[in-house]
PDB file of N, CA and C in Angstrom:
ATOM      1  N   UNK A   1     172.124 108.652 145.647  1.00  0.00           N
ATOM      2  CA  UNK A   1     173.028 108.754 144.834  1.00  0.00           C
ATOM      3  C   UNK A   1     172.740 109.823 144.256  1.00  0.00           C
ATOM      4  N   UNK A   2     171.703 110.438 143.952  1.00  0.00           N
ATOM      5  CA  UNK A   2     171.708 111.507 142.886  1.00  0.00           C
ATOM      6  C   UNK A   2     172.493 112.591 143.819  1.00  0.00           C
ATOM      7  N   UNK A   3     172.183 113.058 144.947  1.00  0.00           N
ATOM      8  CA  UNK A   3     172.706 113.916 146.092  1.00  0.00           C
ATOM      9  C   UNK A   3     174.422 113.717 146.149  1.00  0.00           C
ATOM     10  N   UNK A   4     174.379 112.414 145.819  1.00  0.00           N
ATOM     11  CA  UNK A   4     176.061 112.542 146.118  1.00  0.00           C
ATOM     12  C   UNK A   4     176.514 113.203 144.643  1.00  0.00           C
ATOM     13  N   UNK A   5     175.905 112.637 143.102  1.00  0.00           N
ATOM     14  CA  UNK A   5     176.635 113.147 142.326  1.00  0.00           C
ATOM     15  C   UNK A   5     176.433 114.392 141.731  1.00  0.00           C
ATOM     16  N   UNK A   6     175.684 115.040 142.584  1.00  0.00           N
ATOM     17  CA  UNK A   6     175.048 116.918 142.708  1.00  0.00           C
ATOM     18  C   UNK A   6     176.332 117.268 143.525  1.00  0.00           C
ATOM     19  N   UNK A   7     176.768 116.619 144.626  1.00  0.00           N
ATOM     20  CA  UNK A   7     177.683 117.510 145.382  1.00  0.00           C
ATOM     21  C   UNK A   7     179.056 117.533 144.806  1.00  0.00           C
ATOM     22  N   UNK A   8     179.244 116.008 144.564  1.00  0.00           N
ATOM     23  CA  UNK A   8     180.975 115.745 143.476  1.00  0.00           C
ATOM     24  C   UNK A   8     181.059 117.237 142.620  1.00  0.00           C
ATOM     25  N   UNK A   9     179.633 117.147 142.158  1.00  0.00           N
ATOM     26  CA  UNK A   9     179.613 118.124 140.505  1.00  0.00           C
ATOM     27  C   UNK A   9     179.873 119.688 140.975  1.00  0.00           C
ATOM     28  N   UNK A  10     179.139 119.810 142.311  1.00  0.00           N
ATOM     29  CA  UNK A  10     179.224 121.449 142.973  1.00  0.00           C
ATOM     30  C   UNK A  10     180.700 121.649 143.048  1.00  0.00           C
ATOM     31  N   UNK A  11     181.315 120.889 143.576  1.00  0.00           N
ATOM     32  CA  UNK A  11     182.672 120.806 144.024  1.00  0.00           C
ATOM     33  C   UNK A  11     183.272 121.113 143.065  1.00  0.00           C
ATOM     34  N   UNK A  12     183.513 120.688 142.081  1.00  0.00           N
ATOM     35  CA  UNK A  12     184.149 120.714 140.672  1.00  0.00           C
ATOM     36  C   UNK A  12     184.199 121.836 139.879  1.00  0.00           C
ATOM     37  N   UNK A  13     183.407 122.126 139.471  1.00  0.00           N
ATOM     38  CA  UNK A  13     182.775 123.529 138.345  1.00  0.00           C
ATOM     39  C   UNK A  13     182.664 124.746 138.369  1.00  0.00           C
ATOM     40  N   UNK A  14     182.269 125.548 138.001  1.00  0.00           N
ATOM     41  CA  UNK A  14     182.629 127.145 138.062  1.00  0.00           C
ATOM     42  C   UNK A  14     181.187 127.366 138.066  1.00  0.00           C
ATOM     43  N   UNK A  15     180.372 126.533 138.017  1.00  0.00           N
ATOM     44  CA  UNK A  15     178.984 127.483 137.124  1.00  0.00           C
ATOM     45  C   UNK A  15     178.002 125.823 138.320  1.00  0.00           C
ATOM     46  N   UNK A  16     178.052 126.099 139.250  1.00  0.00           N
ATOM     47  CA  UNK A  16     177.462 124.829 140.223  1.00  0.00           C
ATOM     48  C   UNK A  16     176.066 125.111 140.321  1.00  0.00           C
ATOM     49  N   UNK A  17     175.480 126.059 140.170  1.00  0.00           N
ATOM     50  CA  UNK A  17     173.962 126.460 139.947  1.00  0.00           C
ATOM     51  C   UNK A  17     173.405 125.731 138.710  1.00  0.00           C
ATOM     52  N   UNK A  18     174.005 125.679 137.752  1.00  0.00           N
ATOM     53  CA  UNK A  18     173.396 125.199 136.324  1.00  0.00           C
ATOM     54  C   UNK A  18     173.377 123.561 136.573  1.00  0.00           C
ATOM     55  N   UNK A  19     173.688 122.919 137.070  1.00  0.00           N
ATOM     56  CA  UNK A  19     174.056 121.820 137.294  1.00  0.00           C
ATOM     57  C   UNK A  19     172.691 121.194 137.533  1.00  0.00           C
ATOM     58  N   UNK A  20     172.077 120.018 136.535  1.00  0.00           N
ATOM     59  CA  UNK A  20     171.057 119.234 136.804  1.00  0.00           C
ATOM     60  C   UNK A  20     171.103 118.168 136.748  1.00  0.00           C
ATOM     61  N   UNK A  21     170.453 117.416 137.691  1.00  0.00           N
ATOM     62  CA  UNK A  21     170.783 115.559 137.641  1.00  0.00           C
ATOM     63  C   UNK A  21     169.653 115.325 137.782  1.00  0.00           C
ATOM     64  N   UNK A  22     169.436 114.028 136.702  1.00  0.00           N
ATOM     65  CA  UNK A  22     167.639 113.592 136.279  1.00  0.00           C
ATOM     66  C   UNK A  22     167.935 112.204 136.564  1.00  0.00           C
ATOM     67  N   UNK A  23     167.369 111.315 136.886  1.00  0.00           N
ATOM     68  CA  UNK A  23     167.197 109.844 137.151  1.00  0.00           C
ATOM     69  C   UNK A  23     166.263 109.440 136.490  1.00  0.00           C
ATOM     70  N   UNK A  24     166.901 108.094 135.737  1.00  0.00           N
ATOM     71  CA  UNK A  24     166.142 107.572 134.655  1.00  0.00           C
ATOM     72  C   UNK A  24     166.091 106.305 135.176  1.00  0.00           C
ATOM     73  N   UNK A  25     165.009 105.299 136.027  1.00  0.00           N
ATOM     74  CA  UNK A  25     165.232 104.056 136.748  1.00  0.00           C
ATOM     75  C   UNK A  25     164.951 103.165 135.640  1.00  0.00           C
ATOM     76  N   UNK A  26     165.433 101.765 135.178  1.00  0.00           N
ATOM     77  CA  UNK A  26     165.345 100.919 134.376  1.00  0.00           C
ATOM     78  C   UNK A  26     164.971  99.427 135.626  1.00  0.00           C
ATOM     79  N   UNK A  27     163.571  99.790 136.353  1.00  0.00           N
ATOM     80  CA  UNK A  27     163.873  98.406 137.019  1.00  0.00           C
ATOM     81  C   UNK A  27     163.624  97.052 136.892  1.00  0.00           C
ATOM     82  N   UNK A  28     163.876  96.283 135.394  1.00  0.00           N
ATOM     83  CA  UNK A  28     163.470  95.317 134.589  1.00  0.00           C
ATOM     84  C   UNK A  28     165.198  94.418 135.450  1.00  0.00           C
ATOM     85  N   UNK A  29     166.134  95.202 134.952  1.00  0.00           N
ATOM     86  CA  UNK A  29     167.819  94.953 135.086  1.00  0.00           C
ATOM     87  C   UNK A  29     168.571  95.494 136.469  1.00  0.00           C
ATOM     88  N   UNK A  30     168.162  95.992 136.957  1.00  0.00           N
ATOM     89  CA  UNK A  30     169.007  96.840 138.737  1.00  0.00           C
ATOM     90  C   UNK A  30     169.891  97.889 137.937  1.00  0.00           C
ATOM     91  N   UNK A  31     169.217  98.499 136.740  1.00  0.00           N
ATOM     92  CA  UNK A  31     169.798  99.848 136.674  1.00  0.00           C
ATOM     93  C   UNK A  31     169.243 101.129 136.657  1.00  0.00           C
ATOM     94  N   UNK A  32     170.376 102.039 136.894  1.00  0.00           N
ATOM     95  CA  UNK A  32     169.517 103.720 137.238  1.00  0.00           C
ATOM     96  C   UNK A  32     170.384 104.250 136.053  1.00  0.00           C
ATOM     97  N   UNK A  33     170.283 104.979 135.460  1.00  0.00           N
ATOM     98  CA  UNK A  33     170.645 106.104 134.585  1.00  0.00           C
ATOM     99  C   UNK A  33     170.957 107.292 135.246  1.00  0.00           C
ATOM    100  N   UNK A  34     171.778 108.222 135.567  1.00  0.00           N
ATOM    101  CA  UNK A  34     171.878 109.820 135.631  1.00  0.00           C
ATOM    102  C   UNK A  34     172.263 110.380 134.415  1.00  0.00           C
ATOM    103  N   UNK A  35     171.155 111.501 134.212  1.00  0.00           N
ATOM    104  CA  UNK A  35     171.135 112.187 133.009  1.00  0.00           C
ATOM    105  C   UNK A  35     172.147 113.617 133.696  1.00  0.00           C
ATOM    106  N   UNK A  36     173.017 114.303 133.780  1.00  0.00           N
ATOM    107  CA  UNK A  36     173.685 115.244 133.838  1.00  0.00           C
ATOM    108  C   UNK A  36     173.701 116.434 132.979  1.00  0.00           C
ATOM    109  N   UNK A  37     173.154 117.561 133.131  1.00  0.00           N
ATOM    110  CA  UNK A  37     173.163 118.863 132.249  1.00  0.00           C
ATOM    111  C   UNK A  37     174.344 119.656 132.695  1.00  0.00           C
ATOM    112  N   UNK A  38     175.058 120.316 132.193  1.00  0.00           N
ATOM    113  CA  UNK A  38     176.155 121.311 132.486  1.00  0.00           C
ATOM    114  C   UNK A  38     176.504 122.177 131.907  1.00  0.00           C
ATOM    115  N   UNK A  39     176.524 123.145 132.498  1.00  0.00           N
ATOM    116  CA  UNK A  39     177.197 124.657 131.582  1.00  0.00           C
ATOM    117  C   UNK A  39     178.416 124.180 130.696  1.00  0.00           C
ATOM    118  N   UNK A  40     178.188 124.732 129.067  1.00  0.00           N
ATOM    119  CA  UNK A  40     179.114 124.008 128.527  1.00  0.00           C
ATOM    120  C   UNK A  40     180.581 124.593 128.680  1.00  0.00           C
ATOM    121  N   UNK A  41     181.302 125.558 129.702  1.00  0.00           N
ATOM    122  CA  UNK A  41     182.411 125.753 130.156  1.00  0.00           C
ATOM    123  C   UNK A  41     182.808 124.631 131.304  1.00  0.00           C
ATOM    124  N   UNK A  42     181.691 123.783 132.068  1.00  0.00           N
ATOM    125  CA  UNK A  42     182.303 123.232 132.766  1.00  0.00           C
ATOM    126  C   UNK A  42     182.486 122.194 132.314  1.00  0.00           C
ATOM    127  N   UNK A  43     182.229 121.544 131.240  1.00  0.00           N
ATOM    128  CA  UNK A  43     182.323 119.998 130.280  1.00  0.00           C
ATOM    129  C   UNK A  43     183.882 119.669 130.836  1.00  0.00           C
ATOM    130  N   UNK A  44     184.794 120.295 130.594  1.00  0.00           N
ATOM    131  CA  UNK A  44     186.317 120.032 130.446  1.00  0.00           C
ATOM    132  C   UNK A  44     186.819 119.767 131.557  1.00  0.00           C
ATOM    133  N   UNK A  45     186.043 120.412 132.436  1.00  0.00           N
ATOM    134  CA  UNK A  45     186.791 120.084 134.315  1.00  0.00           C
ATOM    135  C   UNK A  45     185.735 118.775 134.386  1.00  0.00           C
ATOM    136  N   UNK A  46     184.724 118.518 134.345  1.00  0.00           N
ATOM    137  CA  UNK A  46     184.069 117.272 134.214  1.00  0.00           C
ATOM    138  C   UNK A  46     184.539 116.182 134.118  1.00  0.00           C
ATOM    139  N   UNK A  47     185.089 115.926 132.585  1.00  0.00           N
ATOM    140  CA  UNK A  47     185.506 114.885 131.592  1.00  0.00           C
ATOM    141  C   UNK A  47     186.988 115.071 132.572  1.00  0.00           C
ATOM    142  N   UNK A  48     187.192 116.124 132.186  1.00  0.00           N
ATOM    143  CA  UNK A  48     189.169 115.739 132.756  1.00  0.00           C
ATOM    144  C   UNK A  48     190.012 115.443 131.618  1.00  0.00           C
ATOM    145  N   UNK A  49     191.202 115.245 132.000  1.00  0.00           N
ATOM    146  CA  UNK A  49     192.243 115.103 130.922  1.00  0.00           C
ATOM    147  C   UNK A  49     191.822 113.253 130.725  1.00  0.00           C
ATOM    148  N   UNK A  50     191.986 113.536 129.483  1.00  0.00           N
ATOM    149  CA  UNK A  50     191.409 111.804 128.845  1.00  0.00           C
ATOM    150  C   UNK A  50     190.243 111.014 129.692  1.00  0.00           C
ATOM    151  N   UNK A  51     189.490 112.137 130.131  1.00  0.00           N
ATOM    152  CA  UNK A  51     188.262 111.318 130.791  1.00  0.00           C
ATOM    153  C   UNK A  51     188.800 110.979 132.215  1.00  0.00           C
ATOM    154  N   UNK A  52     189.986 111.138 132.733  1.00  0.00           N
ATOM    155  CA  UNK A  52     189.742 110.542 133.797  1.00  0.00           C
ATOM    156  C   UNK A  52     189.107 111.125 135.302  1.00  0.00           C
ATOM    157  N   UNK A  53     188.588 112.496 135.454  1.00  0.00           N
ATOM    158  CA  UNK A  53     187.872 113.070 136.456  1.00  0.00           C
ATOM    159  C   UNK A  53     186.261 112.361 135.962  1.00  0.00           C
ATOM    160  N   UNK A  54     185.745 112.149 134.578  1.00  0.00           N
ATOM    161  CA  UNK A  54     184.567 111.875 134.616  1.00  0.00           C
ATOM    162  C   UNK A  54     184.792 109.959 134.990  1.00  0.00           C
ATOM    163  N   UNK A  55     185.253 109.430 134.931  1.00  0.00           N
ATOM    164  CA  UNK A  55     185.745 107.945 135.233  1.00  0.00           C
ATOM    165  C   UNK A  55     185.604 107.892 136.401  1.00  0.00           C
ATOM    166  N   UNK A  56     186.392 108.593 137.312  1.00  0.00           N
ATOM    167  CA  UNK A  56     186.651 108.265 138.962  1.00  0.00           C
ATOM    168  C   UNK A  56     185.574 108.175 139.146  1.00  0.00           C
ATOM    169  N   UNK A  57     184.713 109.587 138.853  1.00  0.00           N
ATOM    170  CA  UNK A  57     183.483 109.725 139.325  1.00  0.00           C
ATOM    171  C   UNK A  57     182.173 108.942 139.233  1.00  0.00           C
ATOM    172  N   UNK A  58     182.234 107.936 137.904  1.00  0.00           N
ATOM    173  CA  UNK A  58     182.015 106.467 137.432  1.00  0.00           C
ATOM    174  C   UNK A  58     181.812 105.422 138.705  1.00  0.00           C
ATOM    175  N   UNK A  59     183.308 105.499 138.697  1.00  0.00           N
ATOM    176  CA  UNK A  59     183.818 104.308 139.314  1.00  0.00           C
ATOM    177  C   UNK A  59     183.315 104.539 141.059  1.00  0.00           C
ATOM    178  N   UNK A  60     183.448 105.725 141.715  1.00  0.00           N
ATOM    179  CA  UNK A  60     183.088 106.009 142.952  1.00  0.00           C
ATOM    180  C   UNK A  60     181.704 105.384 143.176  1.00  0.00           C
ATOM    181  N   UNK A  61     180.700 106.220 142.573  1.00  0.00           N
ATOM    182  CA  UNK A  61     179.452 105.671 142.203  1.00  0.00           C
ATOM    183  C   UNK A  61     179.019 104.162 141.993  1.00  0.00           C
ATOM    184  N   UNK A  62     179.247 103.778 141.338  1.00  0.00           N
ATOM    185  CA  UNK A  62     179.599 102.605 141.236  1.00  0.00           C
ATOM    186  C   UNK A  62     179.636 101.215 142.190  1.00  0.00           C
ATOM    187  N   UNK A  63     180.802 101.785 143.129  1.00  0.00           N
ATOM    188  CA  UNK A  63     181.452 101.349 144.222  1.00  0.00           C
ATOM    189  C   UNK A  63     180.021 101.456 144.993  1.00  0.00           C
ATOM    190  N   UNK A  64     179.765 102.318 145.634  1.00  0.00           N
ATOM    191  CA  UNK A  64     178.883 102.588 146.596  1.00  0.00           C
ATOM    192  C   UNK A  64     177.435 102.149 146.226  1.00  0.00           C
ATOM    193  N   UNK A  65     176.599 101.946 144.850  1.00  0.00           N
ATOM    194  CA  UNK A  65     176.260 100.591 144.503  1.00  0.00           C
ATOM    195  C   UNK A  65     176.170  99.500 144.434  1.00  0.00           C
ATOM    196  N   UNK A  66     177.394  99.267 144.179  1.00  0.00           N
ATOM    197  CA  UNK A  66     177.740  97.728 143.838  1.00  0.00           C
ATOM    198  C   UNK A  66     177.154  96.775 145.046  1.00  0.00           C
ATOM    199  N   UNK A  67     176.970  97.150 146.336  1.00  0.00           N
ATOM    200  CA  UNK A  67     176.591  96.092 147.798  1.00  0.00           C
ATOM    201  C   UNK A  67     174.995  95.996 147.383  1.00  0.00           C
ATOM    202  N   UNK A  68     174.462  97.206 146.406  1.00  0.00           N
ATOM    203  CA  UNK A  68     172.724  96.714 146.452  1.00  0.00           C
ATOM    204  C   UNK A  68     172.620  95.663 145.224  1.00  0.00           C
ATOM    205  N   UNK A  69     173.830  95.968 144.489  1.00  0.00           N
ATOM    206  CA  UNK A  69     173.178  95.082 143.120  1.00  0.00           C
ATOM    207  C   UNK A  69     172.714  95.707 141.927  1.00  0.00           C
ATOM    208  N   UNK A  70     172.815  97.252 142.279  1.00  0.00           N
ATOM    209  CA  UNK A  70     172.176  98.301 141.045  1.00  0.00           C
ATOM    210  C   UNK A  70     173.575  98.782 140.304  1.00  0.00           C
ATOM    211  N   UNK A  71     173.737  98.572 138.904  1.00  0.00           N
ATOM    212  CA  UNK A  71     174.270  99.096 138.246  1.00  0.00           C
ATOM    213  C   UNK A  71     174.192 100.552 137.831  1.00  0.00           C
ATOM    214  N   UNK A  72     175.039 101.237 138.126  1.00  0.00           N
ATOM    215  CA  UNK A  72     174.891 102.903 137.534  1.00  0.00           C
ATOM    216  C   UNK A  72     175.282 103.346 136.194  1.00  0.00           C
ATOM    217  N   UNK A  73     174.411 104.083 135.333  1.00  0.00           N
ATOM    218  CA  UNK A  73     175.321 104.574 134.288  1.00  0.00           C
ATOM    219  C   UNK A  73     175.040 106.000 134.221  1.00  0.00           C
ATOM    220  N   UNK A  74     176.139 107.219 133.804  1.00  0.00           N
ATOM    221  CA  UNK A  74     176.494 108.117 134.410  1.00  0.00           C
ATOM    222  C   UNK A  74     176.125 108.620 132.932  1.00  0.00           C
ATOM    223  N   UNK A  75     175.742 110.013 132.564  1.00  0.00           N
ATOM    224  CA  UNK A  75     175.555 110.512 131.589  1.00  0.00           C
ATOM    225  C   UNK A  75     175.731 112.012 131.461  1.00  0.00           C
ATOM    226  N   UNK A  76     176.717 112.478 130.731  1.00  0.00           N
ATOM    227  CA  UNK A  76     176.962 113.700 130.827  1.00  0.00           C
ATOM    228  C   UNK A  76     176.955 114.805 129.747  1.00  0.00           C
ATOM    229  N   UNK A  77     176.120 115.550 129.664  1.00  0.00           N
ATOM    230  CA  UNK A  77     175.713 116.665 127.984  1.00  0.00           C
ATOM    231  C   UNK A  77     175.638 117.839 128.800  1.00  0.00           C
ATOM    232  N   UNK A  78     175.970 118.859 127.826  1.00  0.00           N
ATOM    233  CA  UNK A  78     176.161 120.399 127.794  1.00  0.00           C
ATOM    234  C   UNK A  78     174.689 120.871 128.020  1.00  0.00           C
ATOM    235  N   UNK A  79     174.537 121.527 128.481  1.00  0.00           N
ATOM    236  CA  UNK A  79     172.980 122.546 127.906  1.00  0.00           C
ATOM    237  C   UNK A  79     173.027 122.893 126.885  1.00  0.00           C
ATOM    238  N   UNK A  80     171.904 122.982 126.600  1.00  0.00           N
ATOM    239  CA  UNK A  80     171.464 123.660 125.445  1.00  0.00           C
ATOM    240  C   UNK A  80     172.439 123.030 123.755  1.00  0.00           C
ATOM    241  N   UNK A  81     172.040 121.584 124.028  1.00  0.00           N
ATOM    242  CA  UNK A  81     172.917 120.775 123.175  1.00  0.00           C
ATOM    243  C   UNK A  81     171.722 119.420 122.917  1.00  0.00           C
ATOM    244  N   UNK A  82     171.228 118.862 121.946  1.00  0.00           N
ATOM    245  CA  UNK A  82     170.552 118.063 121.870  1.00  0.00           C
ATOM    246  C   UNK A  82     172.129 116.836 121.297  1.00  0.00           C
ATOM    247  N   UNK A  83     171.674 115.604 122.008  1.00  0.00           N
ATOM    248  CA  UNK A  83     172.983 114.722 121.645  1.00  0.00           C
ATOM    249  C   UNK A  83     172.205 113.750 120.613  1.00  0.00           C
ATOM    250  N   UNK A  84     172.681 113.560 119.568  1.00  0.00           N
ATOM    251  CA  UNK A  84     172.032 112.383 118.692  1.00  0.00           C
ATOM    252  C   UNK A  84     172.525 110.699 119.357  1.00  0.00           C
ATOM    253  N   UNK A  85     171.479 110.139 119.594  1.00  0.00           N
ATOM    254  CA  UNK A  85     172.238 108.634 120.595  1.00  0.00           C
ATOM    255  C   UNK A  85     171.978 107.414 119.384  1.00  0.00           C
TER     256      UNK A  85
END
């Protein structure tokens, strides 16, 4: 799944070499969280107008994981910024 996310993002961004995808697995409830770090210039491309692009990527990944009974969460952040959660 990580390879698929990286492949999709590398195809649509201007700085494909700067993409970092890490996996955070939450085993007790069959959840997998992918954390994606992007160049700040690529954030607009990945999010898309009204969030349509990132929603489509999330939907695609979840459709693939659904038969396995896994919930996928995809968090996208800018490199160099610390998000307060």
